[in-house]
Amino acid sequence: MYLAANGRPDAPPRTPGARRRVPATVLALGAVSLVTDISSEMVTAVLPLYLVLGLGLTPLQFGFLDGMFNGATALVRLLGGRLADRRGHHKRVAGAGYLLSALSRLGLLLAGSATGAIAAALAADRLGKGIRTAPRDALISLSGPPETLGRSFGVHRAMDTTGALLGPLAAFAVLWATADAYDAVFAVSFCTGLLGVLLLVVYVPAAPGPATAPPASRAAPPRPSVLRDPAFRRVLYASALLGATTIGDSFLYLLLLRGLDLPPVLFTLLPLGAAAVYLLLAVPAGRIADRTGRRTAFLIGHAALLGAYALLLAPVGAPTVVGVLALLGVFYAATDGVLMALAAPALPAAGRAGGLAVLQTGQALARLVGAAGFGAAWTLWGSRPALWAAALALAGALAAASRIMPAAVPAASPTAPEAP
């Protein structure tokens, strides 16, 4: 059990090497994610315009395709985690996911107006993202000492978010230079995605560090599920409970637009504000989590989200927009990578990717439920009563999660035979 010098049981011990540089593997994976996110966000920025305005799909058709494939991503993560753990091939599985996403841009370029081919390309992109996420996070967690994982994930998420900010700007630059040629965006995105794969192949080692355990032998007995570990199970339950009361960023942005009666075109600019705050705070939040406790940081992040709900319940003005976007950025900075850093030490190296995949899938499915529930409540009761219900639900979930989530997550043995 971790016990911090300040008496907090949820912070890992400081070691003489805790202030060393971020591992090279983390920086390499951050560069891969940065380039890949530029590629993916280029497509994301123009896809609604291309499909709805260019090809004539109805918003319902686009929403169905996007929602279905986003839901499938959560489930594919389990497959990616299991494949990576089977023989310790985290880099290969992650690389396959990155390559599949890059090839999906080529699929969009060749699909033309064929709806089936477009759907297949979108499916390939979401499958690639689902396959690579858990092995990539496992590589990050295996690349350095457990006491600096918050900082490592913070650095990676900051680089990832930089790509997410640059992607839309690159897409609009290409459209401006080519007189709205969507094919040019897909071509540049494809080339950028391949660059990300090349960076992974050249700069990311197959064995990131001493924490990597050799794969289990064929004669080894069946490995028990990570769900049998009580500490990991409580982290999973708490994160899923909080995820089920997270209503989704798009709803928050819609509430801001309605409150200020702004033109719909500004909807695309609101995520940039939250992403900018996330970018600025990801690394500091990771460092603070390493020092004061990742459980504490994770709960504070959800308290910031509750603050965003409360701001939206007050009369909406320009300060409300700034406050909501800032709190949303704090929420992601204090929860996204911090949750992975909190859970990773409890998972053995041989089952790290699969365990993180279980955690990510549980949280993603819970958030889908939360968004769907809020959408239904908005339709039945109106936006304000639905937001009141969401705020009360999040407050209750936060109180419950503070009791469910363990104060300390014991580190697993590097060779423990556990896997999902």
Protein backbone atom coordinates (compact mmCIF):
# COMPACT_ATOMS: atom_id res chain seq x y z
CA MET A 1 0.00 0.00 0.00
CA TYR A 2 1.27 3.43 -0.90
CA LEU A 3 1.64 5.93 1.95
CA ALA A 4 2.75 9.44 1.14
CA ALA A 5 5.04 11.46 3.38
CA ASN A 6 2.19 13.86 4.03
CA GLY A 7 0.07 11.03 5.38
CA ARG A 8 -2.13 10.64 2.33
CA PRO A 9 -2.47 6.94 1.55
CA ASP A 10 -3.39 7.50 -2.09
CA ALA A 11 -0.06 8.99 -3.20
CA PRO A 12 2.86 6.70 -4.13
CA PRO A 13 6.20 7.17 -2.39
CA ARG A 14 8.76 9.61 -3.77
CA THR A 15 12.07 8.10 -4.81
CA PRO A 16 15.40 9.74 -5.67
CA GLY A 17 14.68 9.15 -9.37
CA ALA A 18 11.17 10.58 -9.25
CA ARG A 19 12.28 13.92 -10.68
CA ARG A 20 14.12 12.46 -13.67
CA ARG A 21 13.10 13.19 -17.20
CA VAL A 22 9.96 11.89 -18.79
CA PRO A 23 10.84 8.52 -20.39
CA ALA A 24 11.78 8.66 -24.06
CA THR A 25 9.07 6.11 -24.86
CA VAL A 26 6.41 8.46 -23.47
CA LEU A 27 7.74 11.34 -25.58
CA ALA A 28 7.81 9.12 -28.67
CA LEU A 29 4.25 7.93 -28.09
CA GLY A 30 3.23 11.55 -27.49
CA ALA A 31 4.70 12.50 -30.86
CA VAL A 32 2.85 9.62 -32.51
CA SER A 33 -0.42 10.70 -30.90
CA LEU A 34 0.17 14.35 -31.82
CA VAL A 35 0.68 13.53 -35.51
CA THR A 36 -2.15 10.99 -35.54
CA ASP A 37 -4.55 13.43 -33.91
CA ILE A 38 -3.73 16.06 -36.53
CA SER A 39 -4.66 13.45 -39.13
CA SER A 40 -7.87 12.33 -37.43
CA GLU A 41 -9.08 15.78 -36.41
CA MET A 42 -8.59 17.05 -39.96
CA VAL A 43 -11.23 14.54 -41.02
CA THR A 44 -13.45 15.07 -37.98
CA ALA A 45 -13.56 18.81 -38.61
CA VAL A 46 -14.85 18.50 -42.18
CA LEU A 47 -16.73 15.20 -42.11
CA PRO A 48 -20.15 16.62 -41.11
CA LEU A 49 -19.89 19.25 -43.83
CA TYR A 50 -18.73 16.70 -46.40
CA LEU A 51 -21.39 14.10 -45.63
CA VAL A 52 -24.37 16.36 -44.94
CA LEU A 53 -23.72 19.28 -47.28
CA GLY A 54 -21.54 17.60 -49.89
CA LEU A 55 -23.15 14.17 -50.24
CA GLY A 56 -26.64 14.99 -48.98
CA LEU A 57 -26.83 12.62 -46.00
CA THR A 58 -29.46 13.61 -43.48
CA PRO A 59 -28.30 14.57 -39.94
CA LEU A 60 -30.09 11.45 -38.71
CA GLN A 61 -28.04 9.22 -41.05
CA PHE A 62 -24.79 10.91 -40.03
CA GLY A 63 -25.67 10.73 -36.34
CA PHE A 64 -26.52 7.04 -36.64
CA LEU A 65 -23.21 6.22 -38.33
CA ASP A 66 -21.13 8.27 -35.91
CA GLY A 67 -22.91 7.05 -32.79
CA MET A 68 -22.81 3.40 -33.79
CA PHE A 69 -19.09 3.40 -34.52
CA ASN A 70 -18.21 5.40 -31.41
CA GLY A 71 -20.04 2.80 -29.33
CA ALA A 72 -18.22 -0.02 -31.08
CA THR A 73 -14.85 1.60 -30.25
CA ALA A 74 -15.39 0.99 -26.55
CA LEU A 75 -15.88 -2.74 -27.08
CA VAL A 76 -12.96 -3.16 -29.49
CA ARG A 77 -10.61 -1.89 -26.78
CA LEU A 78 -11.04 -5.21 -24.99
CA LEU A 79 -9.79 -7.05 -28.06
CA GLY A 80 -6.81 -4.74 -28.42
CA GLY A 81 -5.86 -5.17 -24.77
CA ARG A 82 -6.12 -8.95 -24.88
CA LEU A 83 -4.09 -9.24 -28.08
CA ALA A 84 -1.35 -7.01 -26.65
CA ASP A 85 -1.10 -9.01 -23.43
CA ARG A 86 -1.11 -12.42 -25.05
CA ARG A 87 2.57 -12.31 -25.99
CA GLY A 88 3.60 -8.87 -24.84
CA HIS A 89 3.26 -7.34 -28.30
CA HIS A 90 1.98 -3.94 -27.18
CA LYS A 91 3.82 -2.04 -29.91
CA ARG A 92 2.64 -4.34 -32.70
CA VAL A 93 -1.01 -4.17 -31.68
CA ALA A 94 -0.89 -0.40 -31.18
CA GLY A 95 0.85 -0.05 -34.55
CA ALA A 96 -1.86 -2.10 -36.24
CA GLY A 97 -4.47 0.24 -34.79
CA TYR A 98 -2.63 3.35 -35.95
CA LEU A 99 -2.15 1.88 -39.43
CA LEU A 100 -5.81 0.91 -39.72
CA SER A 101 -6.88 4.46 -38.84
CA ALA A 102 -4.45 5.90 -41.40
CA LEU A 103 -5.77 3.59 -44.12
CA SER A 104 -9.32 4.67 -43.31
CA ARG A 105 -8.47 8.14 -44.66
CA LEU A 106 -7.48 6.50 -47.94
CA GLY A 107 -10.82 4.69 -47.83
CA LEU A 108 -12.66 8.01 -47.56
CA LEU A 109 -10.62 9.34 -50.47
CA LEU A 110 -11.59 6.38 -52.67
CA ALA A 111 -15.19 6.00 -51.45
CA GLY A 112 -16.63 8.87 -53.44
CA SER A 113 -20.35 9.15 -52.77
CA ALA A 114 -20.87 5.44 -51.93
CA THR A 115 -22.50 5.40 -48.50
CA GLY A 116 -21.44 1.81 -47.81
CA ALA A 117 -17.80 2.55 -48.55
CA ILE A 118 -17.93 5.66 -46.36
CA ALA A 119 -19.41 3.61 -43.53
CA ALA A 120 -16.64 1.02 -43.95
CA ALA A 121 -13.98 3.74 -43.80
CA LEU A 122 -15.50 5.22 -40.65
CA ALA A 123 -15.69 1.76 -39.11
CA ALA A 124 -11.99 1.16 -39.88
CA ASP A 125 -11.07 4.45 -38.21
CA ARG A 126 -13.02 3.66 -35.04
CA LEU A 127 -11.70 0.08 -34.94
CA GLY A 128 -8.14 1.35 -35.25
CA LYS A 129 -8.67 3.80 -32.40
CA GLY A 130 -10.21 1.13 -30.22
CA ILE A 131 -7.45 -1.38 -30.87
CA ARG A 132 -4.56 0.97 -30.16
CA THR A 133 -5.73 2.79 -27.03
CA ALA A 134 -5.14 0.19 -24.32
CA PRO A 135 -1.78 -1.10 -25.67
CA ARG A 136 -0.56 2.48 -26.03
CA ASP A 137 -1.52 3.36 -22.44
CA ALA A 138 0.06 0.12 -21.25
CA LEU A 139 3.31 1.10 -22.98
CA ILE A 140 3.21 4.47 -21.19
CA SER A 141 2.60 2.85 -17.81
CA LEU A 142 5.43 0.33 -18.34
CA SER A 143 7.97 2.96 -19.40
CA GLY A 144 8.78 4.52 -16.03
CA PRO A 145 8.47 4.16 -12.26
CA PRO A 146 4.94 4.05 -10.80
CA GLU A 147 5.46 7.22 -8.78
CA THR A 148 5.77 9.36 -11.95
CA LEU A 149 2.90 7.90 -13.98
CA GLY A 150 0.70 10.95 -13.48
CA ARG A 151 3.34 13.17 -15.06
CA SER A 152 3.97 10.68 -17.89
CA PHE A 153 0.28 10.45 -18.79
CA GLY A 154 -0.02 14.23 -18.44
CA VAL A 155 2.79 14.80 -20.95
CA HIS A 156 1.28 12.32 -23.38
CA ARG A 157 -2.21 13.81 -23.10
CA ALA A 158 -0.82 17.32 -23.57
CA MET A 159 0.91 16.28 -26.80
CA ASP A 160 -2.21 14.42 -27.92
CA THR A 161 -4.35 17.50 -27.29
CA THR A 162 -1.91 19.66 -29.24
CA GLY A 163 -2.63 17.50 -32.26
CA ALA A 164 -6.35 17.79 -31.63
CA LEU A 165 -6.03 21.58 -31.71
CA LEU A 166 -3.85 21.67 -34.83
CA GLY A 167 -5.98 19.22 -36.83
CA PRO A 168 -8.98 21.49 -37.51
CA LEU A 169 -6.66 24.38 -38.32
CA ALA A 170 -4.81 22.22 -40.83
CA ALA A 171 -8.10 21.07 -42.39
CA PHE A 172 -9.36 24.60 -42.90
CA ALA A 173 -5.98 25.65 -44.31
CA VAL A 174 -6.15 22.85 -46.87
CA LEU A 175 -9.75 23.73 -47.78
CA TRP A 176 -8.82 27.37 -48.18
CA ALA A 177 -5.81 26.56 -50.37
CA THR A 178 -7.73 24.10 -52.56
CA ALA A 179 -11.08 25.92 -52.89
CA ASP A 180 -13.00 23.50 -50.65
CA ALA A 181 -11.59 20.27 -52.10
CA TYR A 182 -12.49 17.67 -49.49
CA ASP A 183 -10.43 15.02 -51.29
CA ALA A 184 -7.33 17.10 -50.60
CA VAL A 185 -8.09 17.03 -46.88
CA PHE A 186 -8.42 13.24 -46.94
CA ALA A 187 -5.16 12.89 -48.91
CA VAL A 188 -3.18 15.11 -46.53
CA SER A 189 -4.76 13.33 -43.56
CA PHE A 190 -3.73 9.94 -44.98
CA CYS A 191 -0.11 11.05 -45.45
CA THR A 192 -0.03 12.54 -41.94
CA GLY A 193 -1.43 9.32 -40.48
CA LEU A 194 1.28 7.28 -42.20
CA LEU A 195 3.88 9.62 -40.69
CA GLY A 196 2.49 8.76 -37.26
CA VAL A 197 2.88 5.04 -37.98
CA LEU A 198 6.46 5.63 -39.15
CA LEU A 199 7.28 7.48 -35.92
CA LEU A 200 5.92 4.55 -33.93
CA VAL A 201 7.98 2.00 -35.86
CA VAL A 202 11.23 3.97 -35.65
CA TYR A 203 11.16 5.58 -32.20
CA VAL A 204 8.97 3.46 -29.91
CA PRO A 205 10.80 0.42 -28.49
CA ALA A 206 9.05 -2.93 -28.33
CA ALA A 207 10.07 -3.36 -24.67
CA PRO A 208 9.63 0.05 -23.00
CA GLY A 209 11.32 -0.65 -19.70
CA PRO A 210 12.13 -3.05 -16.89
CA ALA A 211 8.49 -3.21 -15.83
CA THR A 212 7.70 -5.27 -18.92
CA ALA A 213 7.18 -8.87 -17.99
CA PRO A 214 7.87 -11.81 -20.27
CA PRO A 215 4.80 -13.41 -21.77
CA ALA A 216 3.32 -16.36 -19.92
CA SER A 217 4.31 -19.78 -21.17
CA ARG A 218 1.87 -22.00 -22.97
CA ALA A 219 1.90 -24.39 -20.02
CA ALA A 220 0.90 -21.72 -17.53
CA PRO A 221 -2.49 -22.16 -15.83
CA PRO A 222 -5.40 -19.95 -16.89
CA ARG A 223 -4.97 -16.42 -15.58
CA PRO A 224 -7.68 -15.05 -13.31
CA SER A 225 -9.64 -11.98 -14.23
CA VAL A 226 -8.47 -8.58 -13.05
CA LEU A 227 -12.00 -8.14 -11.73
CA ARG A 228 -11.02 -10.44 -8.88
CA ASP A 229 -8.69 -7.76 -7.56
CA PRO A 230 -10.80 -5.77 -5.07
CA ALA A 231 -8.86 -2.50 -5.43
CA PHE A 232 -9.07 -2.50 -9.23
CA ARG A 233 -12.73 -3.50 -9.07
CA ARG A 234 -13.53 -0.53 -6.83
CA VAL A 235 -11.70 1.86 -9.17
CA LEU A 236 -13.71 0.43 -12.07
CA TYR A 237 -17.03 0.79 -10.23
CA ALA A 238 -16.30 4.34 -9.11
CA SER A 239 -15.20 5.51 -12.56
CA ALA A 240 -18.22 3.88 -14.21
CA LEU A 241 -20.59 5.46 -11.68
CA LEU A 242 -19.13 8.90 -12.33
CA GLY A 243 -19.13 8.25 -16.08
CA ALA A 244 -22.85 7.50 -16.01
CA THR A 245 -23.50 11.01 -14.64
CA THR A 246 -21.32 12.72 -17.29
CA ILE A 247 -23.70 14.17 -19.83
CA GLY A 248 -21.24 14.78 -22.68
CA ASP A 249 -19.44 17.85 -23.94
CA SER A 250 -21.78 18.46 -26.87
CA PHE A 251 -24.74 18.97 -24.54
CA LEU A 252 -22.77 21.53 -22.53
CA TYR A 253 -21.88 23.42 -25.70
CA LEU A 254 -25.49 23.32 -26.88
CA LEU A 255 -26.65 24.75 -23.55
CA LEU A 256 -24.13 27.58 -23.89
CA LEU A 257 -25.31 28.37 -27.41
CA ARG A 258 -28.97 28.36 -26.35
CA GLY A 259 -28.30 30.51 -23.29
CA LEU A 260 -26.49 33.19 -25.29
CA ASP A 261 -28.52 32.78 -28.49
CA LEU A 262 -25.31 32.50 -30.51
CA PRO A 263 -25.13 31.45 -34.18
CA PRO A 264 -24.62 27.70 -34.70
CA VAL A 265 -21.31 28.26 -36.51
CA LEU A 266 -19.70 29.08 -33.15
CA PHE A 267 -20.45 25.56 -31.95
CA THR A 268 -17.25 24.33 -33.65
CA LEU A 269 -15.13 26.89 -31.76
CA LEU A 270 -16.26 26.02 -28.22
CA PRO A 271 -14.31 22.72 -27.97
CA LEU A 272 -11.12 24.62 -28.75
CA GLY A 273 -11.46 26.59 -25.50
CA ALA A 274 -11.78 23.48 -23.34
CA ALA A 275 -8.97 21.76 -25.26
CA ALA A 276 -6.67 24.74 -24.73
CA VAL A 277 -7.23 24.62 -20.96
CA TYR A 278 -6.69 20.84 -21.00
CA LEU A 279 -3.43 21.34 -22.89
CA LEU A 280 -2.16 23.88 -20.36
CA LEU A 281 -3.12 21.86 -17.29
CA ALA A 282 -2.47 18.24 -18.32
CA VAL A 283 1.15 18.12 -17.18
CA PRO A 284 0.70 20.19 -13.97
CA ALA A 285 -2.33 18.09 -13.05
CA GLY A 286 -0.33 14.91 -13.53
CA ARG A 287 2.50 16.21 -11.34
CA ILE A 288 0.08 17.29 -8.62
CA ALA A 289 -1.65 13.91 -8.75
CA ASP A 290 1.70 12.15 -8.29
CA ARG A 291 2.42 14.25 -5.21
CA THR A 292 -0.94 14.56 -3.48
CA GLY A 293 -2.76 11.43 -4.63
CA ARG A 294 -4.35 10.36 -7.91
CA ARG A 295 -7.62 9.39 -6.26
CA THR A 296 -7.92 12.91 -4.86
CA ALA A 297 -7.14 14.53 -8.22
CA PHE A 298 -9.67 12.29 -9.99
CA LEU A 299 -12.45 13.26 -7.60
CA ILE A 300 -11.52 16.96 -7.76
CA GLY A 301 -11.76 16.76 -11.54
CA HIS A 302 -15.36 15.58 -11.29
CA ALA A 303 -16.06 18.31 -8.76
CA ALA A 304 -14.92 20.78 -11.45
CA LEU A 305 -17.42 19.20 -13.85
CA LEU A 306 -20.14 19.65 -11.23
CA GLY A 307 -19.10 23.29 -11.05
CA ALA A 308 -19.63 23.58 -14.82
CA TYR A 309 -23.17 22.19 -14.40
CA ALA A 310 -23.83 24.72 -11.64
CA LEU A 311 -22.65 27.61 -13.82
CA LEU A 312 -25.03 26.56 -16.57
CA LEU A 313 -27.93 26.59 -14.08
CA ALA A 314 -27.25 30.30 -13.42
CA PRO A 315 -28.06 33.04 -15.94
CA VAL A 316 -25.75 32.51 -18.92
CA GLY A 317 -23.41 35.30 -19.98
CA ALA A 318 -19.92 35.70 -21.39
CA PRO A 319 -18.28 34.89 -18.00
CA THR A 320 -20.32 31.69 -17.93
CA VAL A 321 -18.83 30.57 -21.23
CA VAL A 322 -15.30 31.18 -19.98
CA GLY A 323 -16.02 29.45 -16.67
CA VAL A 324 -17.66 26.39 -18.21
CA LEU A 325 -14.88 25.89 -20.76
CA ALA A 326 -12.21 26.36 -18.08
CA LEU A 327 -13.86 23.89 -15.70
CA LEU A 328 -14.32 21.38 -18.51
CA GLY A 329 -10.61 21.63 -19.28
CA VAL A 330 -9.79 21.12 -15.59
CA PHE A 331 -12.08 18.09 -15.56
CA TYR A 332 -10.22 16.37 -18.40
CA ALA A 333 -6.76 17.35 -17.13
CA ALA A 334 -7.49 15.89 -13.67
CA THR A 335 -9.23 12.70 -14.81
CA ASP A 336 -8.18 11.38 -18.24
CA GLY A 337 -4.57 10.35 -17.75
CA VAL A 338 -4.83 10.40 -13.97
CA LEU A 339 -7.29 7.49 -13.97
CA MET A 340 -4.87 5.39 -16.04
CA ALA A 341 -2.01 6.33 -13.70
CA LEU A 342 -4.14 5.40 -10.68
CA ALA A 343 -5.13 1.96 -11.94
CA ALA A 344 -2.00 0.88 -13.83
CA PRO A 345 0.20 -0.02 -10.83
CA ALA A 346 -2.46 -2.45 -9.59
CA LEU A 347 -2.24 -4.42 -12.84
CA PRO A 348 0.58 -6.89 -13.53
CA ALA A 349 2.74 -6.11 -16.53
CA ALA A 350 1.57 -9.28 -18.29
CA GLY A 351 -2.05 -8.12 -18.05
CA ARG A 352 -1.62 -4.34 -18.09
CA ALA A 353 -3.17 -3.62 -21.50
CA GLY A 354 -6.16 -5.88 -20.94
CA GLY A 355 -6.85 -4.42 -17.50
CA LEU A 356 -6.72 -0.85 -18.77
CA ALA A 357 -8.99 -1.86 -21.64
CA VAL A 358 -11.57 -3.14 -19.16
CA LEU A 359 -11.39 0.15 -17.26
CA GLN A 360 -11.63 2.28 -20.41
CA THR A 361 -14.50 0.24 -21.81
CA GLY A 362 -16.49 0.41 -18.59
CA GLN A 363 -16.06 4.16 -18.39
CA ALA A 364 -16.90 4.71 -22.08
CA LEU A 365 -20.06 2.61 -21.95
CA ALA A 366 -21.15 4.38 -18.77
CA ARG A 367 -20.69 7.74 -20.47
CA LEU A 368 -22.79 6.57 -23.42
CA VAL A 369 -25.55 5.69 -20.97
CA GLY A 370 -25.20 9.06 -19.26
CA ALA A 371 -25.39 11.00 -22.51
CA ALA A 372 -28.38 9.01 -23.71
CA GLY A 373 -30.15 9.48 -20.38
CA PHE A 374 -29.58 13.22 -20.42
CA GLY A 375 -30.80 13.45 -24.00
CA ALA A 376 -33.98 11.61 -23.06
CA ALA A 377 -34.50 13.80 -19.99
CA TRP A 378 -34.00 16.95 -22.09
CA THR A 379 -36.60 15.71 -24.58
CA LEU A 380 -39.15 14.84 -21.88
CA TRP A 381 -38.61 17.59 -19.30
CA GLY A 382 -36.71 20.38 -21.03
CA SER A 383 -33.08 21.44 -20.73
CA ARG A 384 -33.15 23.09 -17.29
CA PRO A 385 -34.88 20.29 -15.34
CA ALA A 386 -32.64 17.77 -17.11
CA LEU A 387 -29.54 19.71 -16.08
CA TRP A 388 -30.77 19.91 -12.47
CA ALA A 389 -31.23 16.13 -12.52
CA ALA A 390 -27.74 15.64 -13.98
CA ALA A 391 -26.15 17.93 -11.37
CA LEU A 392 -27.89 16.14 -8.49
CA ALA A 393 -26.93 12.75 -9.95
CA LEU A 394 -23.27 13.80 -10.31
CA ALA A 395 -23.20 15.14 -6.75
CA GLY A 396 -24.57 11.85 -5.47
CA ALA A 397 -22.17 9.84 -7.61
CA LEU A 398 -19.25 11.94 -6.40
CA ALA A 399 -20.16 11.27 -2.77
CA ALA A 400 -20.55 7.54 -3.47
CA ALA A 401 -17.33 7.34 -5.50
CA SER A 402 -15.35 8.97 -2.68
CA ARG A 403 -16.37 6.01 -0.53
CA ILE A 404 -16.06 3.32 -3.20
CA MET A 405 -12.68 4.27 -4.67
CA PRO A 406 -9.87 2.87 -2.51
CA ALA A 407 -7.61 5.27 -0.67
CA ALA A 408 -4.66 3.24 -1.92
CA VAL A 409 -4.14 0.94 -4.90
CA PRO A 410 -1.59 -1.76 -3.99
CA ALA A 411 1.03 -2.38 -6.66
CA ALA A 412 0.84 -5.73 -8.40
CA SER A 413 3.85 -7.97 -8.65
CA PRO A 414 5.58 -7.43 -12.03
CA THR A 415 5.22 -11.12 -12.76
CA ALA A 416 1.81 -11.71 -11.26
CA PRO A 417 -0.19 -13.98 -13.56
CA GLU A 418 -3.31 -11.87 -13.71
CA ALA A 419 -5.02 -10.77 -16.89
CA PRO A 420 -8.49 -9.81 -17.97
